[in-house]
N, C-alpha and C. Protein backbone atom coordinates (compact mmCIF):
# COMPACT_ATOMS: atom_id res chain seq x y z
N MET A 1 178.92 106.68 108.78
CA MET A 1 178.44 106.07 110.02
C MET A 1 178.58 104.54 109.93
N ARG A 2 179.03 103.94 111.01
CA ARG A 2 179.13 102.48 111.06
C ARG A 2 178.77 102.00 112.46
N CYS A 3 178.35 100.73 112.52
CA CYS A 3 177.97 100.12 113.80
C CYS A 3 179.12 99.29 114.33
N VAL A 4 179.41 99.42 115.61
CA VAL A 4 180.43 98.60 116.25
C VAL A 4 179.83 97.94 117.49
N ARG A 5 180.35 96.79 117.82
CA ARG A 5 179.90 96.04 119.00
C ARG A 5 180.98 96.13 120.08
N VAL A 6 180.60 96.68 121.20
CA VAL A 6 181.52 96.86 122.33
C VAL A 6 181.27 95.74 123.34
N TRP A 7 182.30 94.96 123.63
CA TRP A 7 182.20 93.86 124.58
C TRP A 7 182.77 94.29 125.92
N PHE A 8 182.08 93.93 127.00
CA PHE A 8 182.56 94.35 128.32
C PHE A 8 182.17 93.35 129.40
N ASN A 9 182.92 93.40 130.50
CA ASN A 9 182.61 92.64 131.71
C ASN A 9 181.90 93.56 132.70
N LYS A 10 180.99 92.99 133.45
CA LYS A 10 180.31 93.72 134.52
C LYS A 10 180.43 92.88 135.78
N THR A 11 181.31 93.28 136.68
CA THR A 11 181.62 92.46 137.85
C THR A 11 181.69 93.30 139.12
N GLY A 12 181.68 92.61 140.24
CA GLY A 12 181.79 93.30 141.52
C GLY A 12 180.47 93.94 141.93
N THR A 13 180.54 95.00 142.72
CA THR A 13 179.34 95.62 143.28
C THR A 13 178.47 96.29 142.22
N ILE A 14 179.04 96.61 141.06
CA ILE A 14 178.24 97.27 140.02
C ILE A 14 177.18 96.32 139.45
N ARG A 15 177.26 95.04 139.79
CA ARG A 15 176.23 94.11 139.33
C ARG A 15 174.87 94.41 139.96
N TYR A 16 174.86 95.25 140.99
CA TYR A 16 173.61 95.58 141.65
C TYR A 16 172.91 96.80 141.04
N ILE A 17 173.46 97.40 140.00
CA ILE A 17 172.74 98.49 139.34
C ILE A 17 171.79 97.90 138.29
N SER A 18 170.69 98.59 138.06
CA SER A 18 169.68 98.11 137.11
C SER A 18 170.15 98.32 135.67
N HIS A 19 169.41 97.73 134.74
CA HIS A 19 169.76 97.91 133.32
C HIS A 19 169.60 99.37 132.92
N LEU A 20 168.58 100.04 133.44
CA LEU A 20 168.40 101.46 133.13
C LEU A 20 169.57 102.28 133.63
N ASP A 21 170.05 101.99 134.84
CA ASP A 21 171.22 102.70 135.38
C ASP A 21 172.47 102.37 134.57
N LEU A 22 172.57 101.13 134.08
CA LEU A 22 173.71 100.77 133.23
C LEU A 22 173.71 101.59 131.95
N MET A 23 172.55 101.76 131.35
CA MET A 23 172.44 102.56 130.13
C MET A 23 172.89 104.01 130.38
N ARG A 24 172.48 104.56 131.51
CA ARG A 24 172.89 105.92 131.86
C ARG A 24 174.39 105.99 132.09
N THR A 25 174.92 104.97 132.78
CA THR A 25 176.36 104.93 133.05
C THR A 25 177.16 104.86 131.76
N MET A 26 176.74 104.01 130.84
CA MET A 26 177.46 103.86 129.58
C MET A 26 177.34 105.11 128.72
N THR A 27 176.19 105.76 128.75
CA THR A 27 176.02 107.01 127.99
C THR A 27 176.99 108.07 128.47
N ARG A 28 177.09 108.22 129.79
CA ARG A 28 178.02 109.23 130.34
C ARG A 28 179.46 108.86 130.04
N ALA A 29 179.79 107.57 130.15
CA ALA A 29 181.17 107.14 129.89
C ALA A 29 181.55 107.37 128.43
N ILE A 30 180.64 107.10 127.52
CA ILE A 30 180.93 107.30 126.10
C ILE A 30 181.15 108.78 125.81
N ARG A 31 180.35 109.62 126.42
CA ARG A 31 180.53 111.06 126.23
C ARG A 31 181.89 111.51 126.77
N ARG A 32 182.29 110.96 127.94
CA ARG A 32 183.61 111.31 128.49
C ARG A 32 184.74 110.84 127.59
N SER A 33 184.52 109.72 126.91
CA SER A 33 185.58 109.16 126.06
C SER A 33 185.90 110.03 124.86
N GLY A 34 184.92 110.82 124.42
CA GLY A 34 185.16 111.71 123.29
C GLY A 34 185.08 111.05 121.93
N ILE A 35 184.63 109.80 121.85
CA ILE A 35 184.52 109.16 120.54
C ILE A 35 183.34 109.77 119.78
N PRO A 36 183.43 109.83 118.44
CA PRO A 36 182.38 110.48 117.64
C PRO A 36 181.12 109.63 117.50
N LEU A 37 180.27 109.69 118.49
CA LEU A 37 179.07 108.88 118.53
C LEU A 37 177.99 109.48 117.63
N TRP A 38 177.25 108.60 116.94
CA TRP A 38 176.15 109.04 116.10
C TRP A 38 174.89 109.21 116.94
N TYR A 39 174.17 110.30 116.72
CA TYR A 39 172.94 110.59 117.45
C TYR A 39 171.74 110.49 116.51
N THR A 40 170.61 110.06 117.08
CA THR A 40 169.39 110.01 116.30
C THR A 40 168.96 111.43 115.93
N GLU A 41 168.17 111.53 114.88
CA GLU A 41 167.67 112.84 114.46
C GLU A 41 166.28 113.06 115.05
N GLY A 42 165.80 114.27 114.95
CA GLY A 42 164.47 114.57 115.45
C GLY A 42 164.47 115.56 116.59
N PHE A 43 163.33 115.66 117.28
CA PHE A 43 163.15 116.67 118.33
C PHE A 43 164.04 116.42 119.54
N ASN A 44 164.28 115.14 119.86
CA ASN A 44 165.08 114.80 121.05
C ASN A 44 166.21 113.84 120.67
N PRO A 45 167.29 114.34 120.08
CA PRO A 45 168.39 113.45 119.65
C PRO A 45 169.01 112.71 120.83
N HIS A 46 169.31 111.44 120.63
CA HIS A 46 169.98 110.66 121.67
C HIS A 46 170.91 109.66 121.00
N PRO A 47 171.93 109.23 121.70
CA PRO A 47 172.89 108.29 121.09
C PRO A 47 172.26 106.94 120.81
N TYR A 48 172.58 106.36 119.66
CA TYR A 48 172.12 105.01 119.36
C TYR A 48 172.91 104.02 120.21
N MET A 49 172.19 103.21 120.98
CA MET A 49 172.84 102.27 121.89
C MET A 49 171.88 101.12 122.17
N THR A 50 172.28 99.91 121.84
CA THR A 50 171.43 98.74 122.13
C THR A 50 172.28 97.66 122.80
N PHE A 51 171.65 96.93 123.73
CA PHE A 51 172.32 95.84 124.44
C PHE A 51 171.71 94.52 123.99
N ALA A 52 172.57 93.51 123.83
CA ALA A 52 172.11 92.24 123.27
C ALA A 52 171.05 91.57 124.13
N LEU A 53 171.29 91.45 125.41
CA LEU A 53 170.36 90.77 126.30
C LEU A 53 170.57 91.32 127.71
N PRO A 54 169.67 92.20 128.16
CA PRO A 54 169.85 92.83 129.48
C PRO A 54 170.08 91.80 130.58
N LEU A 55 171.01 92.12 131.46
CA LEU A 55 171.41 91.21 132.54
C LEU A 55 170.50 91.42 133.75
N SER A 56 170.13 90.33 134.38
CA SER A 56 169.30 90.42 135.58
C SER A 56 170.07 91.08 136.71
N LEU A 57 169.35 91.82 137.53
CA LEU A 57 169.96 92.52 138.65
C LEU A 57 170.67 91.55 139.58
N GLY A 58 171.90 91.87 139.96
CA GLY A 58 172.66 91.04 140.89
C GLY A 58 173.58 90.04 140.22
N MET A 59 173.47 89.87 138.90
CA MET A 59 174.34 88.94 138.18
C MET A 59 175.59 89.64 137.66
N GLN A 60 176.69 88.90 137.65
CA GLN A 60 177.90 89.35 136.99
C GLN A 60 177.87 88.85 135.54
N SER A 61 178.76 89.39 134.71
CA SER A 61 178.85 88.89 133.34
C SER A 61 180.24 89.13 132.77
N LEU A 62 180.68 88.17 131.98
CA LEU A 62 181.94 88.29 131.25
C LEU A 62 181.68 88.31 129.74
N CYS A 63 180.44 88.60 129.35
CA CYS A 63 180.11 88.53 127.92
C CYS A 63 179.07 89.56 127.50
N GLU A 64 179.07 90.73 128.15
CA GLU A 64 178.09 91.75 127.79
C GLU A 64 178.50 92.45 126.50
N SER A 65 177.49 92.84 125.73
CA SER A 65 177.78 93.57 124.49
C SER A 65 176.82 94.74 124.32
N MET A 66 177.32 95.78 123.68
CA MET A 66 176.56 97.00 123.42
C MET A 66 176.88 97.45 122.01
N ASP A 67 175.86 97.66 121.20
CA ASP A 67 176.05 98.16 119.85
C ASP A 67 175.87 99.67 119.83
N ILE A 68 176.82 100.36 119.23
CA ILE A 68 176.74 101.81 119.07
C ILE A 68 177.08 102.17 117.62
N ARG A 69 176.72 103.35 117.21
CA ARG A 69 177.04 103.83 115.87
C ARG A 69 178.04 104.96 115.95
N ILE A 70 179.02 104.89 115.08
CA ILE A 70 180.16 105.80 115.12
C ILE A 70 180.21 106.62 113.83
N GLU A 71 180.57 107.88 113.99
CA GLU A 71 180.80 108.73 112.84
C GLU A 71 182.30 109.06 112.77
N GLY A 72 182.76 109.51 111.60
CA GLY A 72 184.15 109.94 111.48
C GLY A 72 185.12 108.80 111.29
N GLU A 73 186.38 109.17 111.18
CA GLU A 73 187.46 108.20 110.96
C GLU A 73 188.10 107.85 112.29
N ILE A 74 187.74 106.73 112.83
CA ILE A 74 188.33 106.25 114.09
C ILE A 74 188.35 104.73 114.04
N THR A 75 189.45 104.14 114.43
CA THR A 75 189.59 102.69 114.37
C THR A 75 188.98 102.03 115.60
N ASN A 76 188.73 100.72 115.50
CA ASN A 76 188.23 99.98 116.65
C ASN A 76 189.21 100.00 117.81
N GLY A 77 190.50 99.98 117.50
CA GLY A 77 191.52 100.05 118.54
C GLY A 77 191.48 101.37 119.29
N GLU A 78 191.25 102.46 118.56
CA GLU A 78 191.15 103.78 119.20
C GLU A 78 189.90 103.88 120.06
N ILE A 79 188.80 103.30 119.57
CA ILE A 79 187.57 103.27 120.37
C ILE A 79 187.79 102.49 121.66
N LEU A 80 188.46 101.33 121.55
CA LEU A 80 188.74 100.49 122.71
C LEU A 80 189.54 101.27 123.76
N THR A 81 190.59 101.94 123.33
CA THR A 81 191.45 102.70 124.26
C THR A 81 190.68 103.83 124.92
N ALA A 82 189.88 104.55 124.13
CA ALA A 82 189.13 105.68 124.66
C ALA A 82 188.08 105.24 125.67
N LEU A 83 187.38 104.16 125.37
CA LEU A 83 186.33 103.70 126.28
C LEU A 83 186.91 103.12 127.56
N ARG A 84 188.02 102.41 127.46
CA ARG A 84 188.62 101.83 128.67
C ARG A 84 188.98 102.90 129.69
N SER A 85 189.41 104.04 129.23
CA SER A 85 189.83 105.11 130.14
C SER A 85 188.66 105.85 130.76
N ALA A 86 187.43 105.60 130.25
CA ALA A 86 186.28 106.36 130.72
C ALA A 86 185.33 105.55 131.59
N MET A 87 185.57 104.26 131.73
CA MET A 87 184.63 103.39 132.43
C MET A 87 184.80 103.43 133.95
N PRO A 88 183.71 103.28 134.68
CA PRO A 88 183.80 103.23 136.15
C PRO A 88 184.30 101.85 136.61
N GLU A 89 184.62 101.76 137.89
CA GLU A 89 185.07 100.49 138.45
C GLU A 89 183.98 99.44 138.32
N GLY A 90 184.37 98.27 137.88
CA GLY A 90 183.42 97.18 137.72
C GLY A 90 183.00 96.91 136.29
N ILE A 91 183.24 97.88 135.40
CA ILE A 91 182.96 97.68 133.98
C ILE A 91 184.29 97.74 133.22
N THR A 92 184.64 96.65 132.56
CA THR A 92 185.90 96.55 131.83
C THR A 92 185.61 96.27 130.37
N ILE A 93 186.05 97.15 129.49
CA ILE A 93 185.89 96.94 128.05
C ILE A 93 186.93 95.91 127.61
N THR A 94 186.46 94.85 126.96
CA THR A 94 187.36 93.77 126.56
C THR A 94 187.66 93.75 125.07
N ALA A 95 186.73 94.25 124.25
CA ALA A 95 186.96 94.22 122.80
C ALA A 95 185.98 95.17 122.11
N VAL A 96 186.37 95.60 120.91
CA VAL A 96 185.49 96.37 120.02
C VAL A 96 185.62 95.73 118.65
N ALA A 97 184.50 95.34 118.06
CA ALA A 97 184.54 94.62 116.79
C ALA A 97 183.28 94.91 115.98
N GLU A 98 183.29 94.47 114.73
CA GLU A 98 182.11 94.59 113.89
C GLU A 98 181.09 93.52 114.32
N PRO A 99 179.81 93.85 114.40
CA PRO A 99 178.79 92.85 114.75
C PRO A 99 178.72 91.74 113.71
N GLN A 100 178.63 90.50 114.18
CA GLN A 100 178.57 89.34 113.30
C GLN A 100 177.20 88.68 113.31
N ILE A 101 176.54 88.65 114.46
CA ILE A 101 175.27 87.94 114.62
C ILE A 101 174.23 88.89 115.22
N ASP A 102 173.03 88.86 114.67
CA ASP A 102 171.95 89.67 115.21
C ASP A 102 171.53 89.11 116.58
N PRO A 103 171.30 89.99 117.57
CA PRO A 103 170.91 89.51 118.91
C PRO A 103 169.65 88.65 118.92
N LYS A 104 168.80 88.77 117.91
CA LYS A 104 167.57 87.97 117.89
C LYS A 104 167.86 86.48 117.77
N TYR A 105 169.09 86.12 117.39
CA TYR A 105 169.45 84.71 117.26
C TYR A 105 170.02 84.12 118.54
N ILE A 106 170.11 84.90 119.60
CA ILE A 106 170.53 84.35 120.90
C ILE A 106 169.45 83.41 121.41
N ALA A 107 169.85 82.20 121.80
CA ALA A 107 168.89 81.21 122.27
C ALA A 107 169.24 80.64 123.64
N TYR A 108 170.53 80.67 124.02
CA TYR A 108 170.97 80.10 125.29
C TYR A 108 172.02 80.99 125.94
N ALA A 109 172.21 80.79 127.22
CA ALA A 109 173.29 81.44 127.95
C ALA A 109 173.96 80.41 128.86
N ALA A 110 175.28 80.53 128.97
CA ALA A 110 176.05 79.66 129.87
C ALA A 110 176.41 80.47 131.11
N PHE A 111 176.22 79.85 132.27
CA PHE A 111 176.48 80.50 133.55
C PHE A 111 177.40 79.66 134.42
N ASP A 112 178.19 80.34 135.23
CA ASP A 112 178.88 79.72 136.36
C ASP A 112 178.26 80.27 137.63
N VAL A 113 177.88 79.38 138.54
CA VAL A 113 177.34 79.80 139.83
C VAL A 113 178.27 79.29 140.92
N ASP A 114 178.79 80.20 141.73
CA ASP A 114 179.67 79.84 142.84
C ASP A 114 178.92 79.95 144.15
N PHE A 115 178.94 78.87 144.93
CA PHE A 115 178.27 78.83 146.23
C PHE A 115 179.32 79.00 147.33
N PHE A 116 179.18 80.06 148.10
CA PHE A 116 180.15 80.41 149.14
C PHE A 116 179.55 80.20 150.53
N GLY A 117 180.44 80.02 151.51
CA GLY A 117 180.03 79.97 152.91
C GLY A 117 179.19 78.76 153.26
N ILE A 118 179.38 77.66 152.53
CA ILE A 118 178.62 76.44 152.78
C ILE A 118 179.37 75.59 153.79
N SER A 119 178.69 75.18 154.86
CA SER A 119 179.37 74.43 155.92
C SER A 119 179.81 73.04 155.44
N ASP A 120 179.00 72.38 154.65
CA ASP A 120 179.34 71.05 154.12
C ASP A 120 179.17 71.10 152.61
N VAL A 121 180.21 71.55 151.93
CA VAL A 121 180.11 71.79 150.49
C VAL A 121 179.99 70.49 149.70
N SER A 122 180.61 69.42 150.20
CA SER A 122 180.50 68.13 149.52
C SER A 122 179.07 67.61 149.55
N ALA A 123 178.41 67.80 150.68
CA ALA A 123 177.01 67.38 150.80
C ALA A 123 176.13 68.18 149.86
N LEU A 124 176.44 69.47 149.71
CA LEU A 124 175.65 70.30 148.79
C LEU A 124 175.88 69.87 147.34
N GLN A 125 177.10 69.48 147.01
CA GLN A 125 177.36 68.99 145.65
C GLN A 125 176.53 67.73 145.37
N THR A 126 176.50 66.82 146.34
CA THR A 126 175.72 65.60 146.18
C THR A 126 174.23 65.92 146.04
N ALA A 127 173.74 66.84 146.87
CA ALA A 127 172.33 67.22 146.82
C ALA A 127 172.00 67.89 145.49
N THR A 128 172.92 68.70 144.98
CA THR A 128 172.72 69.37 143.69
C THR A 128 172.63 68.37 142.55
N GLU A 129 173.55 67.42 142.55
CA GLU A 129 173.54 66.38 141.51
C GLU A 129 172.25 65.58 141.56
N THR A 130 171.79 65.27 142.77
CA THR A 130 170.54 64.51 142.92
C THR A 130 169.35 65.32 142.40
N LEU A 131 169.34 66.59 142.76
CA LEU A 131 168.25 67.48 142.36
C LEU A 131 168.16 67.61 140.84
N LEU A 132 169.32 67.80 140.21
CA LEU A 132 169.34 68.08 138.77
C LEU A 132 169.24 66.82 137.91
N SER A 133 169.44 65.67 138.51
CA SER A 133 169.31 64.42 137.76
C SER A 133 167.95 63.76 137.98
N GLY A 134 167.08 64.44 138.71
CA GLY A 134 165.76 63.89 138.97
C GLY A 134 164.83 63.99 137.78
N GLU A 135 163.57 63.64 137.98
CA GLU A 135 162.59 63.66 136.89
C GLU A 135 161.96 65.03 136.73
N HIS A 136 161.73 65.73 137.85
CA HIS A 136 161.07 67.04 137.77
C HIS A 136 161.65 67.97 138.83
N LEU A 137 161.58 69.27 138.55
CA LEU A 137 161.92 70.29 139.53
C LEU A 137 160.98 71.47 139.29
N LEU A 138 159.84 71.45 139.98
CA LEU A 138 158.78 72.42 139.74
C LEU A 138 159.00 73.68 140.58
N VAL A 139 158.91 74.84 139.93
CA VAL A 139 159.05 76.13 140.61
C VAL A 139 158.01 77.10 140.07
N GLN A 140 157.80 78.19 140.79
CA GLN A 140 156.90 79.24 140.35
C GLN A 140 157.71 80.33 139.64
N LYS A 141 157.33 80.64 138.41
CA LYS A 141 158.04 81.64 137.61
C LYS A 141 157.09 82.79 137.31
N LEU A 142 157.57 84.02 137.54
CA LEU A 142 156.75 85.20 137.29
C LEU A 142 156.69 85.46 135.78
N GLY A 143 155.50 85.61 135.27
CA GLY A 143 155.32 85.90 133.86
C GLY A 143 154.19 86.89 133.66
N LYS A 144 153.75 87.02 132.41
CA LYS A 144 152.69 87.97 132.09
C LYS A 144 151.53 87.24 131.41
N LYS A 145 150.33 87.69 131.73
CA LYS A 145 149.13 87.24 131.04
C LYS A 145 148.36 88.49 130.67
N GLY A 146 148.51 88.88 129.39
CA GLY A 146 147.98 90.18 128.98
C GLY A 146 148.83 91.28 129.59
N HIS A 147 148.19 92.17 130.33
CA HIS A 147 148.92 93.24 131.01
C HIS A 147 149.18 92.92 132.48
N LYS A 148 148.77 91.75 132.92
CA LYS A 148 148.93 91.38 134.32
C LYS A 148 150.15 90.48 134.53
N LYS A 149 150.80 90.65 135.67
CA LYS A 149 151.88 89.76 136.06
C LYS A 149 151.30 88.60 136.86
N VAL A 150 151.64 87.40 136.46
CA VAL A 150 151.11 86.21 137.12
C VAL A 150 152.23 85.20 137.34
N PHE A 151 152.04 84.32 138.32
CA PHE A 151 152.98 83.22 138.54
C PHE A 151 152.46 81.98 137.83
N LYS A 152 153.38 81.28 137.19
CA LYS A 152 153.02 80.01 136.58
C LYS A 152 154.05 78.97 136.97
N GLU A 153 153.61 77.74 137.07
CA GLU A 153 154.50 76.65 137.47
C GLU A 153 155.22 76.10 136.24
N ILE A 154 156.55 75.97 136.35
CA ILE A 154 157.34 75.38 135.28
C ILE A 154 158.23 74.29 135.85
N ASP A 155 158.64 73.37 135.00
CA ASP A 155 159.58 72.32 135.37
C ASP A 155 160.96 72.74 134.87
N LEU A 156 161.82 73.16 135.77
CA LEU A 156 163.13 73.66 135.39
C LEU A 156 163.96 72.64 134.62
N LEU A 157 163.79 71.38 134.93
CA LEU A 157 164.61 70.35 134.29
C LEU A 157 164.28 70.21 132.80
N GLU A 158 163.10 70.65 132.40
CA GLU A 158 162.74 70.63 130.98
C GLU A 158 163.56 71.66 130.19
N TYR A 159 164.03 72.69 130.87
CA TYR A 159 164.76 73.78 130.22
C TYR A 159 166.27 73.67 130.37
N LEU A 160 166.72 72.83 131.28
CA LEU A 160 168.15 72.71 131.56
C LEU A 160 168.85 71.99 130.42
N ARG A 161 169.64 72.74 129.63
CA ARG A 161 170.32 72.14 128.47
C ARG A 161 171.49 71.25 128.91
N SER A 162 172.28 71.72 129.87
CA SER A 162 173.39 70.94 130.39
C SER A 162 173.84 71.52 131.72
N TYR A 163 174.57 70.71 132.49
CA TYR A 163 175.11 71.20 133.76
C TYR A 163 176.30 70.33 134.16
N SER A 164 177.13 70.87 135.05
CA SER A 164 178.22 70.13 135.67
C SER A 164 178.57 70.82 136.98
N THR A 165 179.16 70.06 137.91
CA THR A 165 179.57 70.64 139.19
C THR A 165 181.04 70.34 139.45
N ALA A 166 181.65 71.20 140.26
CA ALA A 166 183.05 71.00 140.64
C ALA A 166 183.29 71.68 141.97
N LEU A 167 184.24 71.12 142.76
CA LEU A 167 184.64 71.70 144.04
C LEU A 167 186.05 72.25 143.93
N SER A 168 186.27 73.43 144.53
CA SER A 168 187.61 74.03 144.54
C SER A 168 187.72 74.95 145.74
N ASP A 169 188.67 74.67 146.64
CA ASP A 169 188.93 75.51 147.81
C ASP A 169 187.67 75.81 148.61
N GLY A 170 186.86 74.79 148.81
CA GLY A 170 185.68 74.94 149.64
C GLY A 170 184.51 75.65 148.96
N VAL A 171 184.60 75.84 147.65
CA VAL A 171 183.54 76.51 146.90
C VAL A 171 182.97 75.53 145.88
N LEU A 172 181.64 75.44 145.84
CA LEU A 172 180.97 74.63 144.83
C LEU A 172 180.69 75.50 143.62
N ARG A 173 181.12 75.05 142.45
CA ARG A 173 180.82 75.76 141.21
C ARG A 173 179.88 74.91 140.36
N LEU A 174 178.79 75.52 139.95
CA LEU A 174 177.81 74.87 139.09
C LEU A 174 177.82 75.57 137.74
N HIS A 175 178.04 74.78 136.69
CA HIS A 175 178.00 75.33 135.32
C HIS A 175 176.66 74.94 134.70
N LEU A 176 175.96 75.93 134.15
CA LEU A 176 174.62 75.73 133.62
C LEU A 176 174.50 76.30 132.21
N VAL A 177 173.69 75.67 131.38
CA VAL A 177 173.28 76.26 130.11
C VAL A 177 171.75 76.24 130.10
N LEU A 178 171.16 77.44 130.00
CA LEU A 178 169.72 77.61 130.07
C LEU A 178 169.23 78.45 128.89
N PRO A 179 167.94 78.35 128.54
CA PRO A 179 167.40 79.20 127.48
C PRO A 179 167.52 80.68 127.85
N ALA A 180 167.85 81.49 126.86
CA ALA A 180 167.95 82.93 127.04
C ALA A 180 167.63 83.60 125.72
N GLY A 181 166.92 84.70 125.78
CA GLY A 181 166.58 85.40 124.55
C GLY A 181 165.16 85.90 124.58
N SER A 182 164.69 86.37 123.43
CA SER A 182 163.37 86.98 123.36
C SER A 182 162.24 85.96 123.40
N THR A 183 162.50 84.71 123.00
CA THR A 183 161.46 83.70 122.95
C THR A 183 161.26 83.03 124.31
N THR A 184 162.34 82.47 124.86
CA THR A 184 162.29 81.80 126.17
C THR A 184 163.48 82.24 126.98
N ASN A 185 163.23 82.60 128.21
CA ASN A 185 164.32 83.04 129.08
C ASN A 185 164.09 82.47 130.48
N VAL A 186 165.08 81.75 131.00
CA VAL A 186 164.98 81.15 132.33
C VAL A 186 166.10 81.71 133.20
N ASN A 187 165.72 82.36 134.28
CA ASN A 187 166.68 82.94 135.20
C ASN A 187 167.32 81.83 136.04
N PRO A 188 168.64 81.71 136.03
CA PRO A 188 169.30 80.65 136.83
C PRO A 188 169.06 80.79 138.32
N ALA A 189 168.67 81.97 138.77
CA ALA A 189 168.40 82.15 140.20
C ALA A 189 167.25 81.26 140.66
N LEU A 190 166.32 80.95 139.77
CA LEU A 190 165.22 80.04 140.13
C LEU A 190 165.77 78.69 140.57
N LEU A 191 166.75 78.20 139.83
CA LEU A 191 167.35 76.90 140.14
C LEU A 191 168.24 77.01 141.38
N CYS A 192 169.01 78.09 141.45
CA CYS A 192 169.92 78.26 142.59
C CYS A 192 169.18 78.37 143.91
N ASP A 193 168.03 79.03 143.89
CA ASP A 193 167.24 79.14 145.12
C ASP A 193 166.77 77.77 145.60
N GLU A 194 166.46 76.88 144.66
CA GLU A 194 166.07 75.52 145.04
C GLU A 194 167.25 74.76 145.63
N ILE A 195 168.43 74.96 145.07
CA ILE A 195 169.63 74.31 145.59
C ILE A 195 169.94 74.79 147.01
N MET A 196 169.76 76.09 147.25
CA MET A 196 170.08 76.65 148.56
C MET A 196 169.16 76.12 149.65
N LYS A 197 168.03 75.55 149.30
CA LYS A 197 167.16 74.92 150.30
C LYS A 197 167.82 73.69 150.90
N CYS A 198 168.85 73.17 150.20
CA CYS A 198 169.59 72.00 150.70
C CYS A 198 170.80 72.40 151.53
N ALA A 199 171.06 73.71 151.65
CA ALA A 199 172.25 74.19 152.35
C ALA A 199 171.87 74.81 153.68
N ASP A 200 172.81 74.85 154.59
CA ASP A 200 172.63 75.49 155.89
C ASP A 200 173.40 76.80 155.87
N GLY A 201 172.77 77.85 155.35
CA GLY A 201 173.45 79.14 155.22
C GLY A 201 174.20 79.25 153.91
N GLY A 202 174.99 80.31 153.78
CA GLY A 202 175.78 80.55 152.58
C GLY A 202 175.04 81.40 151.56
N TYR A 203 175.69 81.63 150.45
CA TYR A 203 175.11 82.46 149.38
C TYR A 203 175.75 82.06 148.06
N TYR A 204 175.20 82.57 146.96
CA TYR A 204 175.74 82.24 145.65
C TYR A 204 175.92 83.51 144.81
N VAL A 205 176.82 83.43 143.84
CA VAL A 205 177.07 84.51 142.88
C VAL A 205 176.97 83.91 141.48
N ILE A 206 176.13 84.51 140.65
CA ILE A 206 175.92 84.04 139.28
C ILE A 206 176.73 84.89 138.31
N THR A 207 177.47 84.23 137.43
CA THR A 207 178.25 84.92 136.41
C THR A 207 177.85 84.39 135.03
N ARG A 208 177.36 85.28 134.17
CA ARG A 208 177.05 84.85 132.81
C ARG A 208 178.36 84.82 132.01
N LYS A 209 178.66 83.67 131.41
CA LYS A 209 179.94 83.47 130.75
C LYS A 209 179.86 83.60 129.22
N LYS A 210 178.76 83.10 128.63
CA LYS A 210 178.62 83.11 127.18
C LYS A 210 177.16 83.27 126.79
N LEU A 211 176.95 83.90 125.63
CA LEU A 211 175.65 83.88 124.97
C LEU A 211 175.79 83.00 123.73
N LEU A 212 174.77 82.18 123.47
CA LEU A 212 174.88 81.16 122.43
C LEU A 212 173.66 81.18 121.51
N THR A 213 173.85 80.74 120.27
CA THR A 213 172.75 80.59 119.33
C THR A 213 172.07 79.25 119.56
N LYS A 214 171.01 78.97 118.80
CA LYS A 214 170.32 77.69 118.94
C LYS A 214 171.20 76.51 118.55
N ASP A 215 172.24 76.79 117.73
CA ASP A 215 173.20 75.75 117.33
C ASP A 215 174.38 75.68 118.30
N MET A 216 174.28 76.39 119.43
CA MET A 216 175.30 76.42 120.48
C MET A 216 176.59 77.07 119.99
N GLU A 217 176.47 77.95 119.00
CA GLU A 217 177.61 78.74 118.56
C GLU A 217 177.68 80.03 119.37
N PRO A 218 178.89 80.50 119.73
CA PRO A 218 178.99 81.74 120.51
C PRO A 218 178.43 82.94 119.75
N PHE A 219 177.67 83.75 120.45
CA PHE A 219 177.18 85.02 119.90
C PHE A 219 178.37 85.95 119.69
N ALA A 220 178.47 86.54 118.49
CA ALA A 220 179.62 87.41 118.18
C ALA A 220 179.17 88.63 117.42
């Protein structure tokens, strides 16, 4: 038995399925692929499958990973081919490799946010730069206090590691690096919703591009 890390993209309309539905989808796809998956022992055996950092509903990603355990003699290339043929539309297997870094060391995530349908995209870029270069940006973030869910006020600019903006074909793209992981996690939608208050209509799409360690090294 050995552990392999499966890298995949999650794009298009499938970004609207929950993490639980993603787990079910991947379980069925792996079974269709016919690869020799290792199952847990006990009364209710199930395939070993863990995801590095569950993606928020509605986000796309180009850096998702899933760890599975394999039995038998099969190469990573054969696993890659088998899984690619079994995946539904919107999930693309990009690589299969040996795990290098434990997911507990993930500390940041890099995102691209594209703003579409903006009537004055240049004005929105200026407003975004002003907003993100200010002293404070206070928002309400849902968290937990004991077993209760509560809202607490946070300053987003305290968590913003870096950002940049660019215009292309009438679309504003915002690149962000924010805390992500088991210790601190900031949803970029909190920031994007504040930016959209400066726009007259339109919408945005968030794409997670990279997962990073505290030293800003790519998660692998």
